[in-house]
Amino acid sequence: MTGAIPKLSCRGLSLVVAGRTLVAGLDFDVREGERWVVVGPNGAGKTTLVSALAGLNVPAAGEIRYDGKPIASLAPRERAKIRGFLPQESIDHFPATVLETALVGRHPHLARWQWESAADIDSARLALAAFGLAGLDARDARTLSGGERRRLALAALVAQDPKLLLLDEPSSHLDLGQQVAALDALAALTREGGRAVVMVLHDLHLALRYSDHAIALGGGRAIAGAATDVLSASTLSDVFGHRLVAVGEGKTRSLLPV
């Protein structure tokens, strides 16, 4: 796996917003089967970074590649077949059922004017089931709760079948049990489906539980590496500007403010 071409590669990445440098000279590779989290205080640039990785923001400097190809060389449909992007908020602009919303994820794989096939519908239903939404096919998506709508957005993304998932706060609007269920589903997809995930998480306990690599942003610095190194009490105390201590072990390990 080490010698395989990374699903996502960044070299010399710099991000500047309103004259303020958020990220400077960031290098990292995301490979198949890896789960990366992005952590840091409010305003550090987490959303800006993930949006840039998705090709939605133009970096001030540096290069981003998918499967070894510069993303600037890929047409939008090609990008959508490789990577899926989940923004912080999902907005329903038009009335649609739950199944119709999940099927939006299949659009990159359809030719112009082509209707969804039975296989596309099966893919959408499997994705809905993975996030606890089986049996809601005909329901108006606008009648869902905030948590259900978030899970629907995740299902549509999984139905898209990208090998690189870029997620901005995937656990937002979810209760405790649904946070664990949704992130368990994403972890299983990464392990079993040859995918890679990069996700912004605010909850440090979830970040520790569901990552093997991490990027910490703060004060114009970006630290990338193994989760055991980046998500340490000493490193994150510096990033957040507040002393943290580690508690627990294994799945119960977390970082708490002193």
C-alpha atoms as a PDB file:
ATOM      1  CA  MET A   1       0.000   0.000   0.000  1.00  0.00           C
ATOM      2  CA  THR A   2       2.865   2.374   0.788  1.00  0.00           C
ATOM      3  CA  GLY A   3       4.048   2.402  -2.823  1.00  0.00           C
ATOM      4  CA  ALA A   4       0.593   3.016  -4.282  1.00  0.00           C
ATOM      5  CA  ILE A   5      -0.234   6.398  -5.790  1.00  0.00           C
ATOM      6  CA  PRO A   6      -1.938   8.511  -3.104  1.00  0.00           C
ATOM      7  CA  LYS A   7      -5.648   9.195  -3.473  1.00  0.00           C
ATOM      8  CA  LEU A   8      -4.858  12.781  -2.497  1.00  0.00           C
ATOM      9  CA  SER A   9      -1.493  14.520  -2.533  1.00  0.00           C
ATOM     10  CA  CYS A  10      -0.594  18.081  -1.503  1.00  0.00           C
ATOM     11  CA  ARG A  11       2.729  19.813  -2.012  1.00  0.00           C
ATOM     12  CA  GLY A  12       3.581  23.302  -0.795  1.00  0.00           C
ATOM     13  CA  LEU A  13      -0.094  24.118  -0.167  1.00  0.00           C
ATOM     14  CA  SER A  14      -0.718  27.651   1.084  1.00  0.00           C
ATOM     15  CA  LEU A  15      -4.117  29.196   1.817  1.00  0.00           C
ATOM     16  CA  VAL A  16      -4.701  32.910   2.340  1.00  0.00           C
ATOM     17  CA  VAL A  17      -8.041  34.558   3.194  1.00  0.00           C
ATOM     18  CA  ALA A  18      -8.428  38.353   3.354  1.00  0.00           C
ATOM     19  CA  GLY A  19      -4.667  38.764   3.594  1.00  0.00           C
ATOM     20  CA  ARG A  20      -4.385  36.283   6.474  1.00  0.00           C
ATOM     21  CA  THR A  21      -2.297  33.154   5.968  1.00  0.00           C
ATOM     22  CA  LEU A  22      -4.143  30.098   7.278  1.00  0.00           C
ATOM     23  CA  VAL A  23      -1.887  27.390   5.858  1.00  0.00           C
ATOM     24  CA  ALA A  24       1.673  27.711   4.549  1.00  0.00           C
ATOM     25  CA  GLY A  25       3.747  25.076   2.745  1.00  0.00           C
ATOM     26  CA  LEU A  26       1.636  22.072   3.736  1.00  0.00           C
ATOM     27  CA  ASP A  27       2.738  18.662   2.390  1.00  0.00           C
ATOM     28  CA  PHE A  28       0.861  15.410   2.956  1.00  0.00           C
ATOM     29  CA  ASP A  29      -0.396  12.279   1.174  1.00  0.00           C
ATOM     30  CA  VAL A  30      -3.677  10.472   1.804  1.00  0.00           C
ATOM     31  CA  ARG A  31      -3.650   6.827   0.789  1.00  0.00           C
ATOM     32  CA  GLU A  32      -6.282   4.145   0.312  1.00  0.00           C
ATOM     33  CA  GLY A  33      -7.665   2.911   3.637  1.00  0.00           C
ATOM     34  CA  GLU A  34      -6.579   5.968   5.620  1.00  0.00           C
ATOM     35  CA  ARG A  35      -8.828   8.153   7.768  1.00  0.00           C
ATOM     36  CA  TRP A  36      -7.604  11.711   8.294  1.00  0.00           C
ATOM     37  CA  VAL A  37      -9.161  14.280  10.618  1.00  0.00           C
ATOM     38  CA  VAL A  38      -8.699  18.045  10.542  1.00  0.00           C
ATOM     39  CA  VAL A  39      -8.873  19.785  13.924  1.00  0.00           C
ATOM     40  CA  GLY A  40      -8.258  23.276  15.222  1.00  0.00           C
ATOM     41  CA  PRO A  41      -9.938  26.304  16.804  1.00  0.00           C
ATOM     42  CA  ASN A  42     -12.663  28.362  15.142  1.00  0.00           C
ATOM     43  CA  GLY A  43     -11.335  30.457  12.271  1.00  0.00           C
ATOM     44  CA  ALA A  44      -8.175  28.375  11.876  1.00  0.00           C
ATOM     45  CA  GLY A  45      -9.055  27.435   8.300  1.00  0.00           C
ATOM     46  CA  LYS A  46     -10.507  23.926   8.534  1.00  0.00           C
ATOM     47  CA  THR A  47     -13.388  24.556   6.127  1.00  0.00           C
ATOM     48  CA  THR A  48     -11.130  26.562   3.818  1.00  0.00           C
ATOM     49  CA  LEU A  49      -8.660  23.664   3.694  1.00  0.00           C
ATOM     50  CA  VAL A  50     -11.243  20.970   2.944  1.00  0.00           C
ATOM     51  CA  SER A  51     -12.897  23.187   0.309  1.00  0.00           C
ATOM     52  CA  ALA A  52      -9.511  23.694  -1.341  1.00  0.00           C
ATOM     53  CA  LEU A  53      -8.857  19.943  -1.291  1.00  0.00           C
ATOM     54  CA  ALA A  54     -12.201  19.511  -3.064  1.00  0.00           C
ATOM     55  CA  GLY A  55     -11.135  21.979  -5.751  1.00  0.00           C
ATOM     56  CA  LEU A  56     -13.641  24.639  -4.698  1.00  0.00           C
ATOM     57  CA  ASN A  57     -11.103  27.177  -3.395  1.00  0.00           C
ATOM     58  CA  VAL A  58      -7.985  28.173  -5.315  1.00  0.00           C
ATOM     59  CA  PRO A  59      -4.881  27.958  -3.085  1.00  0.00           C
ATOM     60  CA  ALA A  60      -2.430  30.847  -2.905  1.00  0.00           C
ATOM     61  CA  ALA A  61       0.363  28.414  -3.734  1.00  0.00           C
ATOM     62  CA  GLY A  62       1.055  24.719  -4.088  1.00  0.00           C
ATOM     63  CA  GLU A  63      -0.480  21.780  -5.897  1.00  0.00           C
ATOM     64  CA  ILE A  64      -3.238  19.272  -5.157  1.00  0.00           C
ATOM     65  CA  ARG A  65      -3.431  15.944  -6.992  1.00  0.00           C
ATOM     66  CA  TYR A  66      -5.992  13.128  -7.148  1.00  0.00           C
ATOM     67  CA  ASP A  67      -4.514   9.739  -8.057  1.00  0.00           C
ATOM     68  CA  GLY A  68      -1.378  11.537  -9.222  1.00  0.00           C
ATOM     69  CA  LYS A  69      -3.247  13.981 -11.513  1.00  0.00           C
ATOM     70  CA  PRO A  70      -3.375  17.757 -10.822  1.00  0.00           C
ATOM     71  CA  ILE A  71      -7.001  18.578 -10.036  1.00  0.00           C
ATOM     72  CA  ALA A  72      -6.814  21.589 -12.339  1.00  0.00           C
ATOM     73  CA  SER A  73      -6.431  19.123 -15.235  1.00  0.00           C
ATOM     74  CA  LEU A  74      -9.620  17.231 -14.358  1.00  0.00           C
ATOM     75  CA  ALA A  75     -13.053  18.181 -15.673  1.00  0.00           C
ATOM     76  CA  PRO A  76     -15.799  18.576 -13.032  1.00  0.00           C
ATOM     77  CA  ARG A  77     -17.366  15.201 -13.882  1.00  0.00           C
ATOM     78  CA  GLU A  78     -13.968  13.480 -13.592  1.00  0.00           C
ATOM     79  CA  ARG A  79     -13.409  15.081 -10.190  1.00  0.00           C
ATOM     80  CA  ALA A  80     -16.853  13.990  -9.024  1.00  0.00           C
ATOM     81  CA  LYS A  81     -16.106  10.382  -9.938  1.00  0.00           C
ATOM     82  CA  ILE A  82     -12.956  10.476  -7.808  1.00  0.00           C
ATOM     83  CA  ARG A  83     -13.910  12.608  -4.808  1.00  0.00           C
ATOM     84  CA  GLY A  84     -17.064  13.383  -2.904  1.00  0.00           C
ATOM     85  CA  PHE A  85     -17.492  16.561  -0.867  1.00  0.00           C
ATOM     86  CA  LEU A  86     -19.833  17.132   2.075  1.00  0.00           C
ATOM     87  CA  PRO A  87     -20.201  20.816   3.070  1.00  0.00           C
ATOM     88  CA  GLN A  88     -21.044  21.971   6.590  1.00  0.00           C
ATOM     89  CA  GLU A  89     -24.703  22.524   5.773  1.00  0.00           C
ATOM     90  CA  SER A  90     -27.065  20.819   3.333  1.00  0.00           C
ATOM     91  CA  ILE A  91     -29.826  22.929   1.770  1.00  0.00           C
ATOM     92  CA  ASP A  92     -32.896  21.600  -0.037  1.00  0.00           C
ATOM     93  CA  HIS A  93     -33.586  24.053  -2.854  1.00  0.00           C
ATOM     94  CA  PHE A  94     -36.330  21.951  -4.489  1.00  0.00           C
ATOM     95  CA  PRO A  95     -38.885  19.413  -3.248  1.00  0.00           C
ATOM     96  CA  ALA A  96     -37.616  15.837  -3.561  1.00  0.00           C
ATOM     97  CA  THR A  97     -38.109  12.495  -1.895  1.00  0.00           C
ATOM     98  CA  VAL A  98     -35.449  10.833   0.218  1.00  0.00           C
ATOM     99  CA  LEU A  99     -34.653   8.360  -2.575  1.00  0.00           C
ATOM    100  CA  GLU A 100     -34.492  11.097  -5.228  1.00  0.00           C
ATOM    101  CA  THR A 101     -32.081  13.057  -3.025  1.00  0.00           C
ATOM    102  CA  ALA A 102     -29.835  10.021  -2.530  1.00  0.00           C
ATOM    103  CA  LEU A 103     -29.886   9.389  -6.289  1.00  0.00           C
ATOM    104  CA  VAL A 104     -28.301  12.794  -6.880  1.00  0.00           C
ATOM    105  CA  GLY A 105     -25.072  11.061  -5.935  1.00  0.00           C
ATOM    106  CA  ARG A 106     -25.321   8.883  -9.035  1.00  0.00           C
ATOM    107  CA  HIS A 107     -25.383  11.821 -11.489  1.00  0.00           C
ATOM    108  CA  PRO A 108     -21.610  11.887 -12.202  1.00  0.00           C
ATOM    109  CA  HIS A 109     -21.926   8.330 -13.501  1.00  0.00           C
ATOM    110  CA  LEU A 110     -24.813   9.034 -15.897  1.00  0.00           C
ATOM    111  CA  ALA A 111     -24.608  10.293 -19.454  1.00  0.00           C
ATOM    112  CA  ARG A 112     -26.491  13.455 -20.367  1.00  0.00           C
ATOM    113  CA  TRP A 113     -30.280  12.848 -20.296  1.00  0.00           C
ATOM    114  CA  GLN A 114     -29.734   9.303 -19.030  1.00  0.00           C
ATOM    115  CA  TRP A 115     -32.165   8.059 -16.364  1.00  0.00           C
ATOM    116  CA  GLU A 116     -31.033   6.157 -13.285  1.00  0.00           C
ATOM    117  CA  SER A 117     -30.915   2.381 -13.732  1.00  0.00           C
ATOM    118  CA  ALA A 118     -32.103  -0.293 -11.330  1.00  0.00           C
ATOM    119  CA  ALA A 119     -28.468  -0.658 -10.240  1.00  0.00           C
ATOM    120  CA  ASP A 120     -28.305   3.070  -9.429  1.00  0.00           C
ATOM    121  CA  ILE A 121     -31.465   2.771  -7.341  1.00  0.00           C
ATOM    122  CA  ASP A 122     -30.028  -0.253  -5.520  1.00  0.00           C
ATOM    123  CA  SER A 123     -26.843   1.714  -4.768  1.00  0.00           C
ATOM    124  CA  ALA A 124     -28.871   4.605  -3.357  1.00  0.00           C
ATOM    125  CA  ARG A 125     -30.987   2.295  -1.186  1.00  0.00           C
ATOM    126  CA  LEU A 126     -27.898   0.513   0.161  1.00  0.00           C
ATOM    127  CA  ALA A 127     -26.413   3.903   1.074  1.00  0.00           C
ATOM    128  CA  LEU A 128     -29.638   4.963   2.800  1.00  0.00           C
ATOM    129  CA  ALA A 129     -29.650   1.733   4.798  1.00  0.00           C
ATOM    130  CA  ALA A 130     -26.024   2.275   5.846  1.00  0.00           C
ATOM    131  CA  PHE A 131     -27.104   5.494   7.575  1.00  0.00           C
ATOM    132  CA  GLY A 132     -30.316   4.211   9.116  1.00  0.00           C
ATOM    133  CA  LEU A 133     -32.732   5.638   6.532  1.00  0.00           C
ATOM    134  CA  ALA A 134     -34.115   2.436   5.001  1.00  0.00           C
ATOM    135  CA  GLY A 135     -37.859   2.581   4.374  1.00  0.00           C
ATOM    136  CA  LEU A 136     -38.002   6.371   4.007  1.00  0.00           C
ATOM    137  CA  ASP A 137     -37.694   6.369   0.196  1.00  0.00           C
ATOM    138  CA  ALA A 138     -40.941   8.211  -0.541  1.00  0.00           C
ATOM    139  CA  ARG A 139     -40.766  10.786   2.252  1.00  0.00           C
ATOM    140  CA  ASP A 140     -40.268  14.461   1.381  1.00  0.00           C
ATOM    141  CA  ALA A 141     -36.654  15.245   2.354  1.00  0.00           C
ATOM    142  CA  ARG A 142     -37.746  18.663   3.621  1.00  0.00           C
ATOM    143  CA  THR A 143     -39.776  17.002   6.400  1.00  0.00           C
ATOM    144  CA  LEU A 144     -36.729  15.263   7.890  1.00  0.00           C
ATOM    145  CA  SER A 145     -35.117  16.382  11.129  1.00  0.00           C
ATOM    146  CA  GLY A 146     -31.715  18.056  11.014  1.00  0.00           C
ATOM    147  CA  GLY A 147     -30.005  14.822  11.997  1.00  0.00           C
ATOM    148  CA  GLU A 148     -31.918  12.769   9.443  1.00  0.00           C
ATOM    149  CA  ARG A 149     -31.100  15.329   6.756  1.00  0.00           C
ATOM    150  CA  ARG A 150     -27.412  15.086   7.640  1.00  0.00           C
ATOM    151  CA  ARG A 151     -27.509  11.314   7.328  1.00  0.00           C
ATOM    152  CA  LEU A 152     -29.280  11.680   3.982  1.00  0.00           C
ATOM    153  CA  ALA A 153     -26.475  13.949   2.758  1.00  0.00           C
ATOM    154  CA  LEU A 154     -23.949  11.300   3.818  1.00  0.00           C
ATOM    155  CA  ALA A 155     -25.964   8.600   2.032  1.00  0.00           C
ATOM    156  CA  ALA A 156     -26.045  10.640  -1.198  1.00  0.00           C
ATOM    157  CA  LEU A 157     -22.283  11.057  -0.955  1.00  0.00           C
ATOM    158  CA  VAL A 158     -21.725   7.320  -0.474  1.00  0.00           C
ATOM    159  CA  ALA A 159     -24.102   6.565  -3.367  1.00  0.00           C
ATOM    160  CA  GLN A 160     -21.783   8.696  -5.504  1.00  0.00           C
ATOM    161  CA  ASP A 161     -19.156   5.999  -4.841  1.00  0.00           C
ATOM    162  CA  PRO A 162     -16.058   8.228  -4.706  1.00  0.00           C
ATOM    163  CA  LYS A 163     -12.779   6.740  -3.541  1.00  0.00           C
ATOM    164  CA  LEU A 164     -11.865   9.978  -1.734  1.00  0.00           C
ATOM    165  CA  LEU A 165     -14.370  11.468   0.716  1.00  0.00           C
ATOM    166  CA  LEU A 166     -13.871  15.062   1.925  1.00  0.00           C
ATOM    167  CA  LEU A 167     -16.243  15.821   4.792  1.00  0.00           C
ATOM    168  CA  ASP A 168     -16.788  19.091   6.657  1.00  0.00           C
ATOM    169  CA  GLU A 169     -18.205  18.241  10.086  1.00  0.00           C
ATOM    170  CA  PRO A 170     -20.019  15.023   9.082  1.00  0.00           C
ATOM    171  CA  SER A 171     -21.264  14.512  12.654  1.00  0.00           C
ATOM    172  CA  SER A 172     -22.998  17.902  12.920  1.00  0.00           C
ATOM    173  CA  HIS A 173     -26.723  17.760  13.857  1.00  0.00           C
ATOM    174  CA  LEU A 174     -26.347  14.128  14.934  1.00  0.00           C
ATOM    175  CA  ASP A 175     -27.080  12.885  18.445  1.00  0.00           C
ATOM    176  CA  LEU A 176     -24.469  10.855  20.303  1.00  0.00           C
ATOM    177  CA  GLY A 177     -25.624   7.454  19.052  1.00  0.00           C
ATOM    178  CA  GLN A 178     -25.982   8.623  15.473  1.00  0.00           C
ATOM    179  CA  GLN A 179     -22.541  10.230  15.533  1.00  0.00           C
ATOM    180  CA  VAL A 180     -20.992   6.875  16.415  1.00  0.00           C
ATOM    181  CA  ALA A 181     -23.202   4.968  13.936  1.00  0.00           C
ATOM    182  CA  ALA A 182     -22.415   7.339  11.045  1.00  0.00           C
ATOM    183  CA  LEU A 183     -18.681   7.419  11.713  1.00  0.00           C
ATOM    184  CA  ASP A 184     -18.644   3.639  12.167  1.00  0.00           C
ATOM    185  CA  ALA A 185     -20.249   3.347   8.721  1.00  0.00           C
ATOM    186  CA  LEU A 186     -17.649   5.661   7.186  1.00  0.00           C
ATOM    187  CA  ALA A 187     -14.827   3.728   8.882  1.00  0.00           C
ATOM    188  CA  ALA A 188     -16.193   0.449   7.499  1.00  0.00           C
ATOM    189  CA  LEU A 189     -16.414   1.906   3.990  1.00  0.00           C
ATOM    190  CA  THR A 190     -12.799   3.012   4.264  1.00  0.00           C
ATOM    191  CA  ARG A 191     -11.595  -0.383   5.449  1.00  0.00           C
ATOM    192  CA  GLU A 192     -13.621  -2.501   3.044  1.00  0.00           C
ATOM    193  CA  GLY A 193     -14.108  -0.313  -0.011  1.00  0.00           C
ATOM    194  CA  GLY A 194     -10.615   0.928  -0.814  1.00  0.00           C
ATOM    195  CA  ARG A 195     -11.546   4.486   0.075  1.00  0.00           C
ATOM    196  CA  ALA A 196      -9.821   7.306   1.929  1.00  0.00           C
ATOM    197  CA  VAL A 197     -11.480   9.913   4.152  1.00  0.00           C
ATOM    198  CA  VAL A 198     -10.492  13.434   5.209  1.00  0.00           C
ATOM    199  CA  MET A 199     -12.964  14.975   7.668  1.00  0.00           C
ATOM    200  CA  VAL A 200     -13.232  18.021   9.875  1.00  0.00           C
ATOM    201  CA  LEU A 201     -14.223  17.094  13.431  1.00  0.00           C
ATOM    202  CA  HIS A 202     -14.669  19.402  16.416  1.00  0.00           C
ATOM    203  CA  ASP A 203     -15.082  16.631  18.985  1.00  0.00           C
ATOM    204  CA  LEU A 204     -11.563  15.551  19.953  1.00  0.00           C
ATOM    205  CA  HIS A 205     -12.829  12.248  21.337  1.00  0.00           C
ATOM    206  CA  LEU A 206     -14.328  11.365  17.943  1.00  0.00           C
ATOM    207  CA  ALA A 207     -11.174  12.611  16.219  1.00  0.00           C
ATOM    208  CA  LEU A 208      -9.049  10.253  18.313  1.00  0.00           C
ATOM    209  CA  ARG A 209     -11.430   7.337  17.868  1.00  0.00           C
ATOM    210  CA  TYR A 210     -11.853   7.533  14.101  1.00  0.00           C
ATOM    211  CA  SER A 211      -8.501   8.657  12.697  1.00  0.00           C
ATOM    212  CA  ASP A 212      -5.135   7.189  11.917  1.00  0.00           C
ATOM    213  CA  HIS A 213      -3.747  10.497  10.560  1.00  0.00           C
ATOM    214  CA  ALA A 214      -4.469  14.113  11.409  1.00  0.00           C
ATOM    215  CA  ILE A 215      -3.928  17.734  10.450  1.00  0.00           C
ATOM    216  CA  ALA A 216      -3.981  20.356  13.199  1.00  0.00           C
ATOM    217  CA  LEU A 217      -4.472  23.990  12.171  1.00  0.00           C
ATOM    218  CA  GLY A 218      -3.886  27.035  14.312  1.00  0.00           C
ATOM    219  CA  GLY A 219      -2.051  30.333  14.302  1.00  0.00           C
ATOM    220  CA  GLY A 220      -1.127  30.045  10.623  1.00  0.00           C
ATOM    221  CA  ARG A 221       0.547  26.679  11.194  1.00  0.00           C
ATOM    222  CA  ALA A 222      -0.482  23.279   9.878  1.00  0.00           C
ATOM    223  CA  ILE A 223       0.855  20.093  11.440  1.00  0.00           C
ATOM    224  CA  ALA A 224       0.218  16.865   9.515  1.00  0.00           C
ATOM    225  CA  GLY A 225       1.141  13.324  10.425  1.00  0.00           C
ATOM    226  CA  ALA A 226       0.188  10.214  12.330  1.00  0.00           C
ATOM    227  CA  ALA A 227      -2.767  10.731  14.661  1.00  0.00           C
ATOM    228  CA  THR A 228      -0.751   9.492  17.627  1.00  0.00           C
ATOM    229  CA  ASP A 229       1.684  12.373  17.106  1.00  0.00           C
ATOM    230  CA  VAL A 230      -0.634  15.190  16.025  1.00  0.00           C
ATOM    231  CA  LEU A 231      -3.530  14.467  18.390  1.00  0.00           C
ATOM    232  CA  SER A 232      -1.390  14.611  21.499  1.00  0.00           C
ATOM    233  CA  ALA A 233      -2.114  16.714  24.562  1.00  0.00           C
ATOM    234  CA  SER A 234       1.055  18.754  24.128  1.00  0.00           C
ATOM    235  CA  THR A 235       0.540  19.489  20.417  1.00  0.00           C
ATOM    236  CA  LEU A 236      -3.146  20.370  20.702  1.00  0.00           C
ATOM    237  CA  SER A 237      -2.623  22.438  23.853  1.00  0.00           C
ATOM    238  CA  ASP A 238      -0.402  24.641  21.729  1.00  0.00           C
ATOM    239  CA  VAL A 239      -2.837  24.647  18.777  1.00  0.00           C
ATOM    240  CA  PHE A 240      -5.889  25.580  20.884  1.00  0.00           C
ATOM    241  CA  GLY A 241      -4.034  27.897  23.250  1.00  0.00           C
ATOM    242  CA  HIS A 242      -5.373  26.019  26.266  1.00  0.00           C
ATOM    243  CA  ARG A 243      -3.862  23.194  28.277  1.00  0.00           C
ATOM    244  CA  LEU A 244      -5.334  19.760  27.534  1.00  0.00           C
ATOM    245  CA  VAL A 245      -4.792  16.447  29.301  1.00  0.00           C
ATOM    246  CA  ALA A 246      -5.290  12.927  27.958  1.00  0.00           C
ATOM    247  CA  VAL A 247      -7.736  10.627  29.737  1.00  0.00           C
ATOM    248  CA  GLY A 248      -8.862   7.052  29.106  1.00  0.00           C
ATOM    249  CA  GLU A 249      -7.504   4.388  26.811  1.00  0.00           C
ATOM    250  CA  GLY A 250      -8.493   2.797  23.513  1.00  0.00           C
ATOM    251  CA  LYS A 251     -11.980   3.816  22.351  1.00  0.00           C
ATOM    252  CA  THR A 252     -12.498   5.833  25.539  1.00  0.00           C
ATOM    253  CA  ARG A 253      -9.350   7.939  25.077  1.00  0.00           C
ATOM    254  CA  SER A 254     -10.018  11.666  24.910  1.00  0.00           C
ATOM    255  CA  LEU A 255      -8.475  15.073  25.539  1.00  0.00           C
ATOM    256  CA  LEU A 256     -10.021  17.383  28.109  1.00  0.00           C
ATOM    257  CA  PRO A 257      -9.317  21.024  29.013  1.00  0.00           C
ATOM    258  CA  VAL A 258      -7.709  21.645  32.382  1.00  0.00           C
END
